[in-house]
Amino acid sequence: MLRKHFASARSLLEVGCGDGFVLAGLRDAFPEMRLGGVELFAEGIEIAARRVPDAELVQADARSLPYDGEWDVVGCFDVLEHVDEDRKVLDEIHRALRPGGGLLVHVPQHRWLWGEADRISHHVRRYGRSELEGKLQAAGFRVVAASSFVSLLLPLLALGRFRRRLTPQDLARQLAPPRLLNEALERVLGLEQALIERGVSLPAGGSLLIAARRR
C-alpha cells in the first residue's frame, strides 16, 4: 500500500510503534527512508531502539504528537481501537503530516466479532468500514484505498472469538499455533496480500486497512 499509493514518500512516522517490529520491516523494505516512531511506553522505545537504531523514536501520547507538517506518511497500525478519543488521534496525525501526505491505518473490523479477546486486548471498539471512513473524512482525509484483511480465515476467526470464558492463556495459545498450522495460515494470508496488491478490495474480514491522503 505504501509503494502503490505513496511512492514518492521519503519519510514515515509510525504512531504506536510498540517494540519496533513494523519499523524493522519498513527499514528492510525502504532502506533510504527516514523513519520515526512514537510510543507511549518506555519499554517499547527501548526495544525499538535496538531493532531500528537509526529510527527517530519519541515517547509520547498519540493524542498529543510533537510534530507539525513534518512527515510524508504516517502509519497507525492496531492503535485507534485502544483509544477512546480516536478522533483526537486522527486530528493529531493530520497535523503531523505535510499537506497532501498519506496515512495508512489498520484496525480490527466488524462489531459482531466483539468478544472476550477484545476485552483482554484492552480494545475500546471494533470498526465498521463506513464508520472509520467517516471519521477520516471528518478529520480532513480523503480515502484512496480500503480493503478488509483476514478475510478467507474469517469463519475460523469467528469460531475462536465466540468461545466463552476465554482466558489470556487461551488467547496466547491462539496466537502461537503449531508450526504446520501456522504455515498454512500464512499461505492463506499471502493469497489475500497478493489480491490486495492487485487492487482487490476484500469486503469482509477480521481487520481493515485504509490508505488516505491529507487534504
C-alpha atoms as a PDB file:
ATOM      1  CA  MET A   1       0.000   0.000   0.000  1.00  0.00           C
ATOM      2  CA  LEU A   2       2.891   2.354   0.752  1.00  0.00           C
ATOM      3  CA  ARG A   3       4.572   1.665  -2.580  1.00  0.00           C
ATOM      4  CA  LYS A   4       1.350   1.839  -4.561  1.00  0.00           C
ATOM      5  CA  HIS A   5      -0.255   4.942  -3.117  1.00  0.00           C
ATOM      6  CA  PHE A   6       2.628   6.965  -1.652  1.00  0.00           C
ATOM      7  CA  ALA A   7       5.531   6.029  -3.900  1.00  0.00           C
ATOM      8  CA  SER A   8       7.231   9.427  -3.600  1.00  0.00           C
ATOM      9  CA  ALA A   9       7.310   9.362   0.219  1.00  0.00           C
ATOM     10  CA  ARG A  10      10.714   9.897   1.798  1.00  0.00           C
ATOM     11  CA  SER A  11       9.695   9.815   5.453  1.00  0.00           C
ATOM     12  CA  LEU A  12       7.295   7.772   7.592  1.00  0.00           C
ATOM     13  CA  LEU A  13       6.236   8.089  11.210  1.00  0.00           C
ATOM     14  CA  GLU A  14       4.639   5.140  12.977  1.00  0.00           C
ATOM     15  CA  VAL A  15       2.243   6.184  15.729  1.00  0.00           C
ATOM     16  CA  GLY A  16       2.174   3.498  18.393  1.00  0.00           C
ATOM     17  CA  CYS A  17       5.321   1.758  17.181  1.00  0.00           C
ATOM     18  CA  GLY A  18       5.487  -0.636  20.142  1.00  0.00           C
ATOM     19  CA  ASP A  19       8.714  -2.626  20.130  1.00  0.00           C
ATOM     20  CA  GLY A  20       9.659  -1.602  16.583  1.00  0.00           C
ATOM     21  CA  PHE A  21       8.659  -4.806  14.784  1.00  0.00           C
ATOM     22  CA  VAL A  22       6.890  -2.960  11.951  1.00  0.00           C
ATOM     23  CA  LEU A  23       9.592  -0.302  11.763  1.00  0.00           C
ATOM     24  CA  ALA A  24      12.192  -3.032  11.291  1.00  0.00           C
ATOM     25  CA  GLY A  25      10.191  -4.427   8.378  1.00  0.00           C
ATOM     26  CA  LEU A  26       9.896  -0.961   6.874  1.00  0.00           C
ATOM     27  CA  ARG A  27      13.640  -0.420   7.228  1.00  0.00           C
ATOM     28  CA  ASP A  28      14.314  -3.653   5.328  1.00  0.00           C
ATOM     29  CA  ALA A  29      11.870  -2.683   2.568  1.00  0.00           C
ATOM     30  CA  PHE A  30      12.804   1.014   2.366  1.00  0.00           C
ATOM     31  CA  PRO A  31      16.474   1.355   3.403  1.00  0.00           C
ATOM     32  CA  GLU A  32      16.708   5.019   2.349  1.00  0.00           C
ATOM     33  CA  MET A  33      13.524   6.221   4.058  1.00  0.00           C
ATOM     34  CA  ARG A  34      13.600   8.437   7.131  1.00  0.00           C
ATOM     35  CA  LEU A  35      11.729   6.526   9.826  1.00  0.00           C
ATOM     36  CA  GLY A  36      10.272   7.715  13.092  1.00  0.00           C
ATOM     37  CA  GLY A  37       8.233   6.147  15.849  1.00  0.00           C
ATOM     38  CA  VAL A  38       6.054   7.413  18.669  1.00  0.00           C
ATOM     39  CA  GLU A  39       5.287   5.074  21.564  1.00  0.00           C
ATOM     40  CA  LEU A  40       3.582   5.656  24.907  1.00  0.00           C
ATOM     41  CA  PHE A  41       5.607   3.109  26.888  1.00  0.00           C
ATOM     42  CA  ALA A  42       9.336   3.440  27.584  1.00  0.00           C
ATOM     43  CA  GLU A  43       9.837  -0.324  27.411  1.00  0.00           C
ATOM     44  CA  GLY A  44       8.708  -0.344  23.792  1.00  0.00           C
ATOM     45  CA  ILE A  45      11.028   2.529  22.914  1.00  0.00           C
ATOM     46  CA  GLU A  46      13.997   0.679  24.420  1.00  0.00           C
ATOM     47  CA  ILE A  47      13.405  -2.455  22.328  1.00  0.00           C
ATOM     48  CA  ALA A  48      12.602  -0.474  19.179  1.00  0.00           C
ATOM     49  CA  ALA A  49      15.863   1.448  19.530  1.00  0.00           C
ATOM     50  CA  ARG A  50      17.779  -1.833  19.440  1.00  0.00           C
ATOM     51  CA  ARG A  51      15.802  -3.131  16.469  1.00  0.00           C
ATOM     52  CA  VAL A  52      15.982   0.045  14.373  1.00  0.00           C
ATOM     53  CA  PRO A  53      18.865   2.122  15.763  1.00  0.00           C
ATOM     54  CA  ASP A  54      18.586   4.815  13.095  1.00  0.00           C
ATOM     55  CA  ALA A  55      14.870   5.481  13.648  1.00  0.00           C
ATOM     56  CA  GLU A  56      13.845   8.716  15.367  1.00  0.00           C
ATOM     57  CA  LEU A  57      11.976   7.450  18.427  1.00  0.00           C
ATOM     58  CA  VAL A  58       9.943   9.599  20.814  1.00  0.00           C
ATOM     59  CA  GLN A  59       7.967   8.656  23.907  1.00  0.00           C
ATOM     60  CA  ALA A  60       4.670  10.486  23.536  1.00  0.00           C
ATOM     61  CA  ASP A  61       0.901  10.093  23.598  1.00  0.00           C
ATOM     62  CA  ALA A  62      -0.845   9.644  20.237  1.00  0.00           C
ATOM     63  CA  ARG A  63      -3.343  12.278  21.346  1.00  0.00           C
ATOM     64  CA  SER A  64      -0.550  14.882  21.529  1.00  0.00           C
ATOM     65  CA  LEU A  65       2.070  14.351  18.819  1.00  0.00           C
ATOM     66  CA  PRO A  66       5.187  16.571  18.839  1.00  0.00           C
ATOM     67  CA  TYR A  67       5.089  17.269  15.086  1.00  0.00           C
ATOM     68  CA  ASP A  68       3.594  19.847  12.775  1.00  0.00           C
ATOM     69  CA  GLY A  69       3.580  19.297   8.998  1.00  0.00           C
ATOM     70  CA  GLU A  70       6.742  17.194   9.094  1.00  0.00           C
ATOM     71  CA  TRP A  71       6.080  13.679   7.715  1.00  0.00           C
ATOM     72  CA  ASP A  72       5.222  12.364   4.250  1.00  0.00           C
ATOM     73  CA  VAL A  73       3.333   9.342   5.596  1.00  0.00           C
ATOM     74  CA  VAL A  74       2.036   8.276   8.998  1.00  0.00           C
ATOM     75  CA  GLY A  75       1.323   4.647   9.834  1.00  0.00           C
ATOM     76  CA  CYS A  76      -1.124   3.804  12.616  1.00  0.00           C
ATOM     77  CA  PHE A  77      -1.432   0.040  12.972  1.00  0.00           C
ATOM     78  CA  ASP A  78      -3.754  -1.506  15.597  1.00  0.00           C
ATOM     79  CA  VAL A  79      -3.746   1.634  17.737  1.00  0.00           C
ATOM     80  CA  LEU A  80      -7.030   3.509  17.265  1.00  0.00           C
ATOM     81  CA  GLU A  81      -9.108   0.708  18.764  1.00  0.00           C
ATOM     82  CA  HIS A  82      -7.301   1.229  22.094  1.00  0.00           C
ATOM     83  CA  VAL A  83      -8.094   4.942  22.399  1.00  0.00           C
ATOM     84  CA  ASP A  84     -11.401   6.451  23.498  1.00  0.00           C
ATOM     85  CA  GLU A  85     -10.585   9.709  21.691  1.00  0.00           C
ATOM     86  CA  ASP A  86      -9.799   8.178  18.291  1.00  0.00           C
ATOM     87  CA  ARG A  87     -10.886  11.367  16.508  1.00  0.00           C
ATOM     88  CA  LYS A  88      -8.280  13.307  18.527  1.00  0.00           C
ATOM     89  CA  VAL A  89      -5.586  10.884  17.339  1.00  0.00           C
ATOM     90  CA  LEU A  90      -6.665  11.386  13.719  1.00  0.00           C
ATOM     91  CA  ASP A  91      -6.561  15.162  14.190  1.00  0.00           C
ATOM     92  CA  GLU A  92      -3.015  14.905  15.564  1.00  0.00           C
ATOM     93  CA  ILE A  93      -1.934  12.687  12.663  1.00  0.00           C
ATOM     94  CA  HIS A  94      -3.413  15.223  10.231  1.00  0.00           C
ATOM     95  CA  ARG A  95      -1.347  17.959  11.899  1.00  0.00           C
ATOM     96  CA  ALA A  96       1.852  15.871  11.807  1.00  0.00           C
ATOM     97  CA  LEU A  97       1.557  15.275   8.042  1.00  0.00           C
ATOM     98  CA  ARG A  98       2.693  17.555   5.281  1.00  0.00           C
ATOM     99  CA  PRO A  99      -0.131  18.850   3.040  1.00  0.00           C
ATOM    100  CA  GLY A 100      -1.033  16.001   0.704  1.00  0.00           C
ATOM    101  CA  GLY A 101       0.705  13.469   2.966  1.00  0.00           C
ATOM    102  CA  GLY A 102      -0.536   9.934   3.364  1.00  0.00           C
ATOM    103  CA  LEU A 103      -1.986   7.845   6.176  1.00  0.00           C
ATOM    104  CA  LEU A 104      -2.017   4.058   6.463  1.00  0.00           C
ATOM    105  CA  VAL A 105      -4.340   2.864   9.213  1.00  0.00           C
ATOM    106  CA  HIS A 106      -5.110  -0.695  10.294  1.00  0.00           C
ATOM    107  CA  VAL A 107      -7.840  -1.621  12.799  1.00  0.00           C
ATOM    108  CA  PRO A 108      -9.901  -4.635  13.902  1.00  0.00           C
ATOM    109  CA  GLN A 109     -13.174  -4.812  11.992  1.00  0.00           C
ATOM    110  CA  HIS A 110     -16.812  -5.841  12.497  1.00  0.00           C
ATOM    111  CA  ARG A 111     -18.620  -5.101  15.727  1.00  0.00           C
ATOM    112  CA  TRP A 112     -20.252  -8.538  15.634  1.00  0.00           C
ATOM    113  CA  LEU A 113     -16.792 -10.049  16.216  1.00  0.00           C
ATOM    114  CA  TRP A 114     -16.523  -8.286  19.576  1.00  0.00           C
ATOM    115  CA  GLY A 115     -15.671 -10.786  22.283  1.00  0.00           C
ATOM    116  CA  GLU A 116     -13.533 -11.656  25.252  1.00  0.00           C
ATOM    117  CA  ALA A 117     -10.369 -11.444  23.148  1.00  0.00           C
ATOM    118  CA  ASP A 118     -11.076  -7.738  22.596  1.00  0.00           C
ATOM    119  CA  ARG A 119     -11.528  -7.132  26.306  1.00  0.00           C
ATOM    120  CA  ILE A 120      -8.307  -8.986  27.120  1.00  0.00           C
ATOM    121  CA  SER A 121      -6.519  -6.885  24.488  1.00  0.00           C
ATOM    122  CA  HIS A 122      -7.886  -3.634  26.017  1.00  0.00           C
ATOM    123  CA  HIS A 123      -9.829  -2.699  22.896  1.00  0.00           C
ATOM    124  CA  VAL A 124     -12.387   0.094  23.131  1.00  0.00           C
ATOM    125  CA  ARG A 125     -14.145  -0.811  19.873  1.00  0.00           C
ATOM    126  CA  ARG A 126     -14.086  -2.719  16.613  1.00  0.00           C
ATOM    127  CA  TYR A 127     -14.758  -0.631  13.493  1.00  0.00           C
ATOM    128  CA  GLY A 128     -17.149  -0.745  10.609  1.00  0.00           C
ATOM    129  CA  ARG A 129     -15.692   0.407   7.291  1.00  0.00           C
ATOM    130  CA  SER A 130     -18.145   3.280   6.842  1.00  0.00           C
ATOM    131  CA  GLU A 131     -17.554   4.369  10.451  1.00  0.00           C
ATOM    132  CA  LEU A 132     -13.790   4.670  10.040  1.00  0.00           C
ATOM    133  CA  GLU A 133     -14.027   6.250   6.592  1.00  0.00           C
ATOM    134  CA  GLY A 134     -16.430   8.828   8.041  1.00  0.00           C
ATOM    135  CA  LYS A 135     -14.053   9.665  10.878  1.00  0.00           C
ATOM    136  CA  LEU A 136     -11.165  10.006   8.440  1.00  0.00           C
ATOM    137  CA  GLN A 137     -13.154  12.352   6.222  1.00  0.00           C
ATOM    138  CA  ALA A 138     -14.225  14.421   9.228  1.00  0.00           C
ATOM    139  CA  ALA A 139     -10.555  14.743  10.254  1.00  0.00           C
ATOM    140  CA  GLY A 140      -9.595  16.121   6.848  1.00  0.00           C
ATOM    141  CA  PHE A 141      -8.559  12.986   4.948  1.00  0.00           C
ATOM    142  CA  ARG A 142      -9.594  11.623   1.564  1.00  0.00           C
ATOM    143  CA  VAL A 143      -9.735   7.822   1.419  1.00  0.00           C
ATOM    144  CA  VAL A 144      -7.801   6.487  -1.584  1.00  0.00           C
ATOM    145  CA  ALA A 145      -7.983   2.724  -0.945  1.00  0.00           C
ATOM    146  CA  ALA A 146      -9.534   0.329   1.547  1.00  0.00           C
ATOM    147  CA  SER A 147      -9.630  -3.424   1.982  1.00  0.00           C
ATOM    148  CA  SER A 148     -10.519  -5.951   4.608  1.00  0.00           C
ATOM    149  CA  PHE A 149      -7.850  -8.424   5.709  1.00  0.00           C
ATOM    150  CA  VAL A 150      -8.014 -11.834   7.385  1.00  0.00           C
ATOM    151  CA  SER A 151     -10.980 -12.440   5.064  1.00  0.00           C
ATOM    152  CA  LEU A 152     -10.567 -16.059   3.983  1.00  0.00           C
ATOM    153  CA  LEU A 153      -9.955 -17.006   7.611  1.00  0.00           C
ATOM    154  CA  LEU A 154     -12.968 -15.070   8.909  1.00  0.00           C
ATOM    155  CA  PRO A 155     -15.043 -18.190   9.793  1.00  0.00           C
ATOM    156  CA  LEU A 156     -12.120 -19.603  11.787  1.00  0.00           C
ATOM    157  CA  LEU A 157     -11.593 -16.257  13.499  1.00  0.00           C
ATOM    158  CA  ALA A 158     -15.277 -16.047  14.404  1.00  0.00           C
ATOM    159  CA  LEU A 159     -15.227 -19.520  15.958  1.00  0.00           C
ATOM    160  CA  GLY A 160     -12.257 -18.570  18.108  1.00  0.00           C
ATOM    161  CA  ARG A 161     -13.778 -15.267  19.169  1.00  0.00           C
ATOM    162  CA  PHE A 162     -17.102 -16.703  20.250  1.00  0.00           C
ATOM    163  CA  ARG A 163     -15.585 -19.128  22.736  1.00  0.00           C
ATOM    164  CA  ARG A 164     -16.839 -18.480  26.227  1.00  0.00           C
ATOM    165  CA  ARG A 165     -14.612 -17.958  29.269  1.00  0.00           C
ATOM    166  CA  LEU A 166     -11.605 -17.158  27.098  1.00  0.00           C
ATOM    167  CA  THR A 167      -8.535 -16.539  29.271  1.00  0.00           C
ATOM    168  CA  PRO A 168      -5.307 -14.668  28.455  1.00  0.00           C
ATOM    169  CA  GLN A 169      -3.635 -18.090  28.256  1.00  0.00           C
ATOM    170  CA  ASP A 170      -6.194 -19.251  25.677  1.00  0.00           C
ATOM    171  CA  LEU A 171      -5.526 -16.145  23.608  1.00  0.00           C
ATOM    172  CA  ALA A 172      -1.766 -16.677  23.830  1.00  0.00           C
ATOM    173  CA  ARG A 173      -2.194 -20.228  22.500  1.00  0.00           C
ATOM    174  CA  GLN A 174      -4.313 -18.945  19.597  1.00  0.00           C
ATOM    175  CA  LEU A 175      -1.522 -16.529  18.704  1.00  0.00           C
ATOM    176  CA  ALA A 176       1.101 -19.313  18.691  1.00  0.00           C
ATOM    177  CA  PRO A 177      -0.372 -22.220  16.697  1.00  0.00           C
ATOM    178  CA  PRO A 178       1.643 -25.341  15.785  1.00  0.00           C
ATOM    179  CA  ARG A 179       4.236 -24.761  13.044  1.00  0.00           C
ATOM    180  CA  LEU A 180       2.435 -26.622  10.243  1.00  0.00           C
ATOM    181  CA  LEU A 181      -0.867 -24.908  11.009  1.00  0.00           C
ATOM    182  CA  ASN A 182       0.873 -21.558  11.201  1.00  0.00           C
ATOM    183  CA  GLU A 183       2.488 -22.107   7.796  1.00  0.00           C
ATOM    184  CA  ALA A 184      -0.890 -23.000   6.284  1.00  0.00           C
ATOM    185  CA  LEU A 185      -2.462 -19.861   7.735  1.00  0.00           C
ATOM    186  CA  GLU A 186       0.427 -17.761   6.421  1.00  0.00           C
ATOM    187  CA  ARG A 187      -0.151 -19.111   2.913  1.00  0.00           C
ATOM    188  CA  VAL A 188      -3.807 -18.109   3.089  1.00  0.00           C
ATOM    189  CA  LEU A 189      -2.883 -14.616   4.236  1.00  0.00           C
ATOM    190  CA  GLY A 190      -0.271 -14.472   1.477  1.00  0.00           C
ATOM    191  CA  LEU A 191      -3.049 -15.032  -1.045  1.00  0.00           C
ATOM    192  CA  GLU A 192      -5.015 -12.161   0.456  1.00  0.00           C
ATOM    193  CA  GLN A 193      -1.929  -9.948   0.283  1.00  0.00           C
ATOM    194  CA  ALA A 194      -1.495 -10.765  -3.410  1.00  0.00           C
ATOM    195  CA  LEU A 195      -5.127  -9.853  -4.099  1.00  0.00           C
ATOM    196  CA  ILE A 196      -4.821  -6.541  -2.236  1.00  0.00           C
ATOM    197  CA  GLU A 197      -1.599  -5.738  -4.100  1.00  0.00           C
ATOM    198  CA  ARG A 198      -3.562  -6.160  -7.348  1.00  0.00           C
ATOM    199  CA  GLY A 199      -6.162  -3.660  -6.220  1.00  0.00           C
ATOM    200  CA  VAL A 200      -8.852  -6.055  -4.942  1.00  0.00           C
ATOM    201  CA  SER A 201     -10.881  -4.619  -2.062  1.00  0.00           C
ATOM    202  CA  LEU A 202     -11.967  -7.563   0.090  1.00  0.00           C
ATOM    203  CA  PRO A 203     -15.430  -6.795   1.520  1.00  0.00           C
ATOM    204  CA  ALA A 204     -15.215  -8.511   4.922  1.00  0.00           C
ATOM    205  CA  GLY A 205     -12.508  -9.657   7.306  1.00  0.00           C
ATOM    206  CA  GLY A 206     -11.184  -9.502  10.827  1.00  0.00           C
ATOM    207  CA  SER A 207      -9.108  -6.403  10.067  1.00  0.00           C
ATOM    208  CA  LEU A 208      -9.449  -3.296   7.922  1.00  0.00           C
ATOM    209  CA  LEU A 209      -6.617  -1.478   6.116  1.00  0.00           C
ATOM    210  CA  ILE A 210      -7.173   2.019   4.714  1.00  0.00           C
ATOM    211  CA  ALA A 211      -4.915   4.380   2.794  1.00  0.00           C
ATOM    212  CA  ALA A 212      -5.912   8.032   2.958  1.00  0.00           C
ATOM    213  CA  ARG A 213      -4.428  11.362   1.980  1.00  0.00           C
ATOM    214  CA  ARG A 214      -4.440  14.627   3.901  1.00  0.00           C
ATOM    215  CA  ARG A 215      -6.458  17.264   2.093  1.00  0.00           C
END
